[in-house]
Protein backbone atom coordinates (compact mmCIF):
# COMPACT_ATOMS: atom_id res chain seq x y z
CA UNK A 1 -24.10 7.70 -22.22
CA UNK A 2 -26.21 10.86 -22.29
CA UNK A 3 -28.28 9.64 -19.33
CA UNK A 4 -25.13 8.83 -17.37
CA UNK A 5 -23.88 12.32 -18.11
CA UNK A 6 -27.06 13.85 -16.72
CA UNK A 7 -26.72 11.82 -13.53
CA UNK A 8 -23.05 12.73 -13.08
CA UNK A 9 -23.97 16.36 -13.64
CA UNK A 10 -26.34 16.18 -10.68
CA UNK A 11 -23.46 15.09 -8.48
CA UNK A 12 -21.04 17.62 -9.97
CA UNK A 13 -23.45 20.42 -9.06
CA UNK A 14 -23.33 19.51 -5.36
CA UNK A 15 -20.90 21.96 -3.66
CA UNK A 16 -20.98 19.89 -0.48
CA UNK A 17 -19.55 16.86 -2.32
CA UNK A 18 -16.53 18.84 -3.53
CA UNK A 19 -16.07 20.42 -0.11
CA UNK A 20 -16.07 17.04 1.65
CA UNK A 21 -13.75 15.60 -1.01
CA UNK A 22 -11.29 18.45 -0.45
CA UNK A 23 -11.47 18.07 3.34
CA UNK A 24 -10.80 14.33 3.05
CA UNK A 25 -7.77 14.95 0.82
CA UNK A 26 -6.36 17.54 3.23
CA UNK A 27 -7.01 15.28 6.22
CA UNK A 28 -5.20 12.38 4.53
CA UNK A 29 -2.16 14.53 3.86
CA UNK A 30 -1.98 15.73 7.47
CA UNK A 31 -1.86 12.11 8.65
CA UNK A 32 1.68 11.86 7.32
CA UNK A 33 2.92 13.90 10.27
CA UNK A 34 2.37 10.75 12.33
CA UNK A 35 5.43 9.02 10.88
CA UNK A 36 7.58 12.09 10.18
CA UNK A 37 10.21 10.98 12.77
CA UNK A 38 11.05 7.95 10.60
CA UNK A 39 11.72 9.80 7.36
CA UNK A 40 15.51 10.21 7.68
CA UNK A 41 16.14 6.54 8.43
CA UNK A 42 13.67 5.44 5.74
CA UNK A 43 15.30 7.57 3.06
CA UNK A 44 18.76 6.41 4.17
CA UNK A 45 17.60 2.79 3.71
CA UNK A 46 16.08 3.60 0.33
CA UNK A 47 19.25 5.32 -0.88
CA UNK A 48 21.42 2.41 0.31
CA UNK A 49 19.14 -0.09 -1.45
CA UNK A 50 19.27 1.96 -4.67
CA UNK A 51 23.06 1.59 -4.69
CA UNK A 52 23.53 -1.86 -3.16
CA UNK A 53 20.33 -3.70 -4.03
CA UNK A 54 17.64 -5.03 -1.74
CA UNK A 55 19.10 -8.43 -0.85
CA UNK A 56 21.24 -8.21 2.30
CA UNK A 57 24.33 -10.34 1.71
CA UNK A 58 28.09 -9.98 2.13
CA UNK A 59 28.43 -7.43 -0.66
CA UNK A 60 25.57 -5.39 0.77
CA UNK A 61 27.15 -5.32 4.23
CA UNK A 62 30.53 -4.36 2.80
CA UNK A 63 29.01 -1.55 0.77
CA UNK A 64 26.97 -0.29 3.71
CA UNK A 65 30.06 -0.18 5.95
CA UNK A 66 31.82 1.94 3.34
CA UNK A 67 29.06 4.57 3.24
CA UNK A 68 29.58 7.85 5.05
CA UNK A 69 29.17 7.35 8.77
CA UNK A 70 25.99 8.93 10.10
CA UNK A 71 23.56 8.13 12.90
CA UNK A 72 21.10 6.71 10.36
CA UNK A 73 23.76 4.57 8.67
CA UNK A 74 24.92 3.20 12.02
CA UNK A 75 21.34 2.34 13.01
CA UNK A 76 20.75 0.63 9.66
CA UNK A 77 24.05 -1.28 9.86
CA UNK A 78 23.30 -2.50 13.37
CA UNK A 79 19.91 -3.79 12.22
CA UNK A 80 21.10 -5.68 9.12
CA UNK A 81 24.13 -7.29 10.75
CA UNK A 82 21.78 -9.42 12.85
CA UNK A 83 19.53 -10.60 10.00
CA UNK A 84 18.64 -14.25 9.49
CA UNK A 85 16.05 -16.16 7.48
CA UNK A 86 13.09 -16.01 9.89
CA UNK A 87 10.92 -18.26 7.74
CA UNK A 88 13.25 -21.18 8.41
CA UNK A 89 12.32 -21.17 12.09
CA UNK A 90 8.74 -19.85 11.93
CA UNK A 91 6.42 -22.20 13.86
CA UNK A 92 3.24 -22.18 11.78
CA UNK A 93 1.60 -24.97 13.74
CA UNK A 94 1.97 -22.91 16.91
CA UNK A 95 -0.12 -20.20 15.26
CA UNK A 96 -2.68 -22.77 14.17
CA UNK A 97 -2.96 -24.28 17.65
CA UNK A 98 -3.21 -20.82 19.22
CA UNK A 99 -6.27 -19.91 17.15
CA UNK A 100 -7.86 -23.35 17.25
CA UNK A 101 -8.02 -23.31 21.05
CA UNK A 102 -10.40 -20.34 20.83
CA UNK A 103 -12.74 -22.39 18.65
CA UNK A 104 -12.92 -25.68 20.56
CA UNK A 105 -16.72 -25.56 20.40
CA UNK A 106 -16.72 -25.67 16.59
CA UNK A 107 -14.99 -28.51 14.72
CA UNK A 108 -15.82 -26.75 11.42
CA UNK A 109 -14.04 -23.53 12.39
CA UNK A 110 -11.09 -25.50 13.76
CA UNK A 111 -10.74 -27.59 10.60
CA UNK A 112 -10.84 -24.51 8.39
CA UNK A 113 -8.21 -22.79 10.52
CA UNK A 114 -6.01 -25.90 10.48
CA UNK A 115 -6.33 -26.16 6.69
CA UNK A 116 -5.42 -22.50 6.25
CA UNK A 117 -2.27 -22.89 8.31
CA UNK A 118 -1.32 -26.07 6.48
CA UNK A 119 -1.31 -23.93 3.34
CA UNK A 120 0.61 -21.23 5.21
CA UNK A 121 3.26 -23.79 6.19
CA UNK A 122 3.89 -24.49 2.51
CA UNK A 123 4.19 -20.74 1.87
CA UNK A 124 6.66 -20.36 4.74
CA UNK A 125 8.82 -23.15 3.27
CA UNK A 126 8.76 -21.44 -0.13
CA UNK A 127 9.71 -18.06 1.35
CA UNK A 128 12.51 -19.72 3.31
CA UNK A 129 13.89 -21.23 0.09
CA UNK A 130 13.73 -17.94 -1.83
CA UNK A 131 15.26 -15.92 0.99
CA UNK A 132 12.55 -13.25 0.83
CA UNK A 133 13.15 -12.45 4.50
CA UNK A 134 16.66 -11.24 3.62
CA UNK A 135 15.41 -8.25 1.64
CA UNK A 136 16.04 -4.92 3.34
CA UNK A 137 12.72 -3.19 2.43
CA UNK A 138 13.25 -0.11 4.64
CA UNK A 139 15.21 -1.71 7.45
CA UNK A 140 14.17 -1.11 11.06
CA UNK A 141 11.38 1.36 10.13
CA UNK A 142 9.74 -1.02 7.64
CA UNK A 143 6.80 -2.06 9.79
CA UNK A 144 6.01 1.49 10.87
CA UNK A 145 5.97 2.87 7.32
CA UNK A 146 4.27 -0.16 5.74
CA UNK A 147 1.53 -0.24 8.36
CA UNK A 148 1.02 3.51 8.03
CA UNK A 149 0.71 3.32 4.26
CA UNK A 150 -1.66 0.35 4.15
CA UNK A 151 -3.24 0.29 7.60
CA UNK A 152 -3.71 4.01 8.05
CA UNK A 153 -3.53 6.06 4.85
CA UNK A 154 -5.15 3.58 2.44
CA UNK A 155 -7.60 2.42 5.10
CA UNK A 156 -8.84 6.00 5.46
CA UNK A 157 -8.95 6.43 1.68
CA UNK A 158 -11.06 3.28 1.32
CA UNK A 159 -13.41 4.27 4.11
CA UNK A 160 -13.86 7.80 2.74
CA UNK A 161 -14.37 6.53 -0.79
CA UNK A 162 -16.89 3.94 0.35
CA UNK A 163 -18.90 6.48 2.37
CA UNK A 164 -18.87 9.12 -0.38
CA UNK A 165 -19.72 6.49 -2.99
CA UNK A 166 -22.64 5.12 -0.97
CA UNK A 167 -23.98 8.61 -0.28
CA UNK A 168 -23.66 9.52 -3.97
CA UNK A 169 -25.65 6.51 -5.12
CA UNK A 170 -28.32 7.09 -2.48
CA UNK A 171 -28.58 10.73 -3.58
CA UNK A 172 -29.07 9.76 -7.22
CA UNK A 173 -31.64 7.06 -6.38
CA UNK A 174 -33.54 9.47 -4.17
CA UNK A 175 -33.16 12.52 -6.41
CA UNK A 176 -36.63 12.24 -7.94
CA UNK A 177 -38.21 11.96 -4.49
CA UNK A 178 -36.27 15.00 -3.29
CA UNK A 179 -37.41 17.00 -6.33
CA UNK A 180 -40.98 15.60 -6.11
CA UNK A 181 -40.83 14.29 -9.68
CA UNK A 182 -41.04 10.55 -8.95
CA UNK A 183 -44.66 10.15 -9.97
CA UNK A 184 -44.19 11.94 -13.28
CA UNK A 185 -41.05 9.96 -14.16
CA UNK A 186 -42.37 6.58 -13.04
CA UNK A 187 -45.66 7.00 -14.89
CA UNK A 188 -44.03 5.59 -18.05
CA UNK A 189 -42.14 2.38 -18.74
CA UNK A 190 -39.20 4.38 -20.09
CA UNK A 191 -39.10 6.46 -16.93
CA UNK A 192 -38.86 3.34 -14.78
CA UNK A 193 -35.75 2.29 -16.76
CA UNK A 194 -33.91 5.46 -15.73
CA UNK A 195 -32.90 3.84 -12.44
CA UNK A 196 -30.36 1.63 -14.27
CA UNK A 197 -28.31 4.69 -15.35
CA UNK A 198 -28.63 6.04 -11.81
CA UNK A 199 -27.02 2.91 -10.39
CA UNK A 200 -24.30 2.88 -13.04
CA UNK A 201 -23.61 6.58 -12.52
CA UNK A 202 -23.40 6.09 -8.76
CA UNK A 203 -20.97 3.20 -9.11
CA UNK A 204 -18.89 5.20 -11.58
CA UNK A 205 -18.86 8.15 -9.20
CA UNK A 206 -17.69 5.91 -6.35
CA UNK A 207 -14.78 4.64 -8.44
CA UNK A 208 -13.92 8.18 -9.57
CA UNK A 209 -13.95 9.50 -5.99
CA UNK A 210 -11.73 6.60 -4.93
CA UNK A 211 -9.28 7.39 -7.73
CA UNK A 212 -9.12 11.06 -6.71
CA UNK A 213 -8.64 10.35 -3.01
CA UNK A 214 -6.11 7.55 -3.53
CA UNK A 215 -4.22 9.53 -6.19
CA UNK A 216 -3.95 12.68 -4.09
CA UNK A 217 -2.94 10.82 -0.92
CA UNK A 218 -0.31 8.67 -2.65
CA UNK A 219 1.07 11.62 -4.65
CA UNK A 220 1.62 13.55 -1.42
CA UNK A 221 3.07 10.49 0.33
CA UNK A 222 5.57 9.57 -2.37
CA UNK A 223 6.65 13.17 -2.77
CA UNK A 224 8.04 13.04 0.77
CA UNK A 225 8.99 9.37 1.07
CA UNK A 226 11.56 8.16 -1.45
CA UNK A 227 10.59 4.67 -2.62
CA UNK A 228 13.00 4.56 -5.57
CA UNK A 229 15.11 1.88 -3.91
CA UNK A 230 12.18 0.20 -2.20
CA UNK A 231 9.82 -0.83 -5.02
CA UNK A 232 11.56 -4.11 -5.82
CA UNK A 233 11.77 -5.27 -2.18
CA UNK A 234 9.78 -8.29 -1.04
CA UNK A 235 6.98 -7.32 1.34
CA UNK A 236 7.92 -10.50 3.23
CA UNK A 237 11.17 -8.95 4.44
CA UNK A 238 11.89 -9.93 8.02
CA UNK A 239 11.65 -6.26 8.94
CA UNK A 240 7.96 -6.29 7.96
CA UNK A 241 5.47 -7.87 10.34
CA UNK A 242 1.90 -7.59 11.55
CA UNK A 243 0.13 -8.38 14.81
CA UNK A 244 -3.06 -10.26 15.66
CA UNK A 245 -4.18 -11.03 19.22
CA UNK A 246 -0.80 -9.76 20.43
CA UNK A 247 1.10 -12.30 18.31
CA UNK A 248 3.69 -10.70 16.06
CA UNK A 249 4.49 -12.66 12.91
CA UNK A 250 6.33 -12.04 9.60
CA UNK A 251 4.33 -10.55 6.74
CA UNK A 252 3.78 -13.84 4.91
CA UNK A 253 1.75 -13.38 1.71
CA UNK A 254 0.02 -16.11 -0.31
CA UNK A 255 2.02 -15.12 -3.41
CA UNK A 256 5.37 -13.43 -3.94
CA UNK A 257 4.84 -9.66 -3.87
CA UNK A 258 7.27 -6.83 -4.35
CA UNK A 259 6.31 -3.55 -2.70
CA UNK A 260 5.18 -2.18 -6.08
CA UNK A 261 3.16 -5.30 -6.86
CA UNK A 262 1.58 -5.36 -3.44
CA UNK A 263 0.53 -1.71 -3.67
CA UNK A 264 -0.98 -2.28 -7.12
CA UNK A 265 -2.89 -5.36 -5.91
CA UNK A 266 -4.25 -3.53 -2.85
CA UNK A 267 -5.37 -0.55 -4.92
CA UNK A 268 -7.09 -2.81 -7.44
CA UNK A 269 -8.89 -4.92 -4.84
CA UNK A 270 -9.75 -1.75 -2.93
CA UNK A 271 -11.45 -0.34 -6.01
CA UNK A 272 -13.52 -3.50 -6.39
CA UNK A 273 -14.48 -3.34 -2.70
CA UNK A 274 -15.64 0.26 -3.14
CA UNK A 275 -17.88 -0.96 -5.98
CA UNK A 276 -19.24 -3.74 -3.74
CA UNK A 277 -20.21 -1.24 -1.04
CA UNK A 278 -21.72 1.10 -3.65
CA UNK A 279 -23.89 -1.78 -4.87
CA UNK A 280 -24.92 -2.46 -1.27
CA UNK A 281 -26.12 1.15 -1.14
CA UNK A 282 -27.95 0.61 -4.44
CA UNK A 283 -29.82 -2.40 -3.07
CA UNK A 284 -30.74 -0.46 0.08
CA UNK A 285 -31.87 2.56 -1.94
CA UNK A 286 -34.01 0.46 -4.26
CA UNK A 287 -35.65 -1.70 -1.61
CA UNK A 288 -36.21 1.09 0.94
CA UNK A 289 -37.91 3.81 -1.05
CA UNK A 290 -37.33 6.57 1.52
CA UNK A 291 -33.77 7.73 0.87
CA UNK A 292 -33.20 8.87 4.46
CA UNK A 293 -34.43 5.59 5.89
CA UNK A 294 -32.27 3.72 3.37
CA UNK A 295 -29.27 5.73 4.56
CA UNK A 296 -30.07 4.84 8.16
CA UNK A 297 -30.36 1.14 7.32
CA UNK A 298 -27.07 1.28 5.44
CA UNK A 299 -25.34 3.05 8.33
CA UNK A 300 -26.52 0.42 10.79
CA UNK A 301 -25.37 -2.42 8.51
CA UNK A 302 -21.92 -0.92 8.04
CA UNK A 303 -21.22 0.33 11.55
CA UNK A 304 -22.51 -2.71 13.40
CA UNK A 305 -20.28 -5.14 11.52
CA UNK A 306 -17.33 -5.13 13.89
CA UNK A 307 -19.51 -5.27 17.02
CA UNK A 308 -21.50 -8.19 15.65
CA UNK A 309 -18.31 -10.07 14.83
CA UNK A 310 -16.97 -9.54 18.35
CA UNK A 311 -20.29 -10.66 19.83
CA UNK A 312 -20.34 -13.86 17.77
CA UNK A 313 -16.79 -14.68 18.87
CA UNK A 314 -17.58 -13.98 22.54
CA UNK A 315 -20.68 -16.17 22.37
CA UNK A 316 -18.73 -18.97 20.72
CA UNK A 317 -20.97 -19.05 17.66
CA UNK A 318 -18.02 -19.82 15.42
CA UNK A 319 -19.96 -21.17 12.43
CA UNK A 320 -21.75 -17.82 12.13
CA UNK A 321 -18.47 -16.02 12.79
CA UNK A 322 -16.87 -17.83 9.84
CA UNK A 323 -19.63 -16.62 7.53
CA UNK A 324 -19.55 -13.13 9.00
CA UNK A 325 -15.83 -12.68 8.30
CA UNK A 326 -16.75 -12.37 4.60
CA UNK A 327 -18.60 -9.13 5.42
CA UNK A 328 -17.18 -6.45 3.06
CA UNK A 329 -16.81 -3.95 5.92
CA UNK A 330 -14.69 -6.41 7.93
CA UNK A 331 -12.63 -7.19 4.84
CA UNK A 332 -11.98 -3.47 4.37
CA UNK A 333 -10.78 -3.10 7.96
CA UNK A 334 -8.15 -5.81 7.36
CA UNK A 335 -6.48 -3.90 4.50
CA UNK A 336 -3.20 -3.66 6.42
CA UNK A 337 -2.80 -7.46 6.12
CA UNK A 338 -4.48 -8.29 2.81
CA UNK A 339 -3.10 -11.33 0.96
CA UNK A 340 -1.59 -12.75 4.18
CA UNK A 341 -2.92 -15.35 6.62
CA UNK A 342 -4.22 -12.34 8.66
CA UNK A 343 -4.97 -14.34 11.79
CA UNK A 344 -8.24 -15.04 13.55
CA UNK A 345 -10.47 -13.09 11.15
CA UNK A 346 -9.87 -15.23 8.07
CA UNK A 347 -10.42 -18.94 7.54
CA UNK A 348 -9.27 -19.56 3.98
CA UNK A 349 -6.31 -18.37 1.89
CA UNK A 350 -7.03 -15.20 -0.12
CA UNK A 351 -10.21 -14.62 1.88
CA UNK A 352 -10.26 -10.86 1.17
CA UNK A 353 -10.13 -11.62 -2.55
CA UNK A 354 -12.71 -14.40 -2.44
CA UNK A 355 -14.99 -12.31 -0.24
CA UNK A 356 -14.73 -9.22 -2.42
CA UNK A 357 -15.29 -11.05 -5.71
CA UNK A 358 -18.11 -13.07 -4.17
CA UNK A 359 -19.66 -9.89 -2.78
CA UNK A 360 -19.43 -8.28 -6.21
CA UNK A 361 -21.26 -11.20 -7.82
CA UNK A 362 -23.88 -11.43 -5.06
CA UNK A 363 -24.65 -7.70 -4.93
CA UNK A 364 -24.62 -7.35 -8.72
CA UNK A 365 -27.33 -9.98 -8.83
CA UNK A 366 -29.11 -8.37 -5.90
CA UNK A 367 -29.05 -4.98 -7.62
CA UNK A 368 -30.47 -6.48 -10.83
CA UNK A 369 -33.30 -8.13 -8.87
CA UNK A 370 -34.00 -4.94 -6.92
CA UNK A 371 -34.19 -2.95 -10.16
CA UNK A 372 -36.54 -5.52 -11.64
CA UNK A 373 -38.72 -5.30 -8.55
CA UNK A 374 -38.70 -1.51 -8.71
CA UNK A 375 -39.90 -1.50 -12.34
CA UNK A 376 -42.97 -3.52 -11.31
CA UNK A 377 -43.73 -1.81 -8.01
CA UNK A 378 -46.51 0.75 -7.61
CA UNK A 379 -45.35 4.22 -6.61
CA UNK A 380 -47.40 5.37 -3.65
CA UNK A 381 -48.79 8.86 -3.61
């Protein structure tokens, strides 16, 4: 624990880290201006749901009609009077066929996509039976607010946390080189073992930075946006949807999620994904002994992910594309649709979870092997 404390102290004494952290927090808060026009209608929906419940039925409609007449109430009433159970008529096989036609050169990719949508058809039937689509959530501004929260605010938080976490772990791994003390430290067997605490401290710092950024952003968000009547709503409300390849579909999750449960699951998986990317930085820093070159390699790996995926799809190399969709960077970019069928960029149910947990296991093993290699490697003068 003492060694971890020393490593964390090195990071704590970096003014630039605190400055960047503060700038990220301020930037995240300013993003909320983007959806400011929706706040009155959102809070009207939340207040109505607090009094009438989330499920839109006859009693809900009667109660809503009796509320004081305002422009927001009229807009909300007009939206809910036309509600129906969209999962009863959702054509899942149409979605499957739409994506499969892109992959006609790969029977493997087609079969995986077909299997995924067979599972999705069962989920749609379940959601139709439970009436999840009849929850209000936030009415006609649901998609805008939901996509902002998960596809904008939390996406930025995850990206910032991942970058700061990776830079922190690279800094700790390269600290001895920067201070020109590597040869003295690595001259002993005990000194070589100090790189384990460096990795652990870097991973811990990444998680701590993520907690600070997520906590500050969500605290600011929920101070302005009243979710008191929203937390119990199903995220599969018919007012919530997402888009892939211009196809708009209901937000159909692989398990039943309330808004509160969905937020908790996303934050938890996001934290694990930040650890995965921190371990990727650890492997790069241990295998590439020049910290600046390691940072360059890491930057190329992370920034080229989307372009490589697009190239594989354009070339029709679907087998490689299937494997590539488990890339942690691509999984992070899909945060706005985690735990749903997502669309073309996933081939199995719960792919973001499987990919993140698998990445954690793979990179944990890779980090252990890289540390073992480092302990046996000669340090060049």
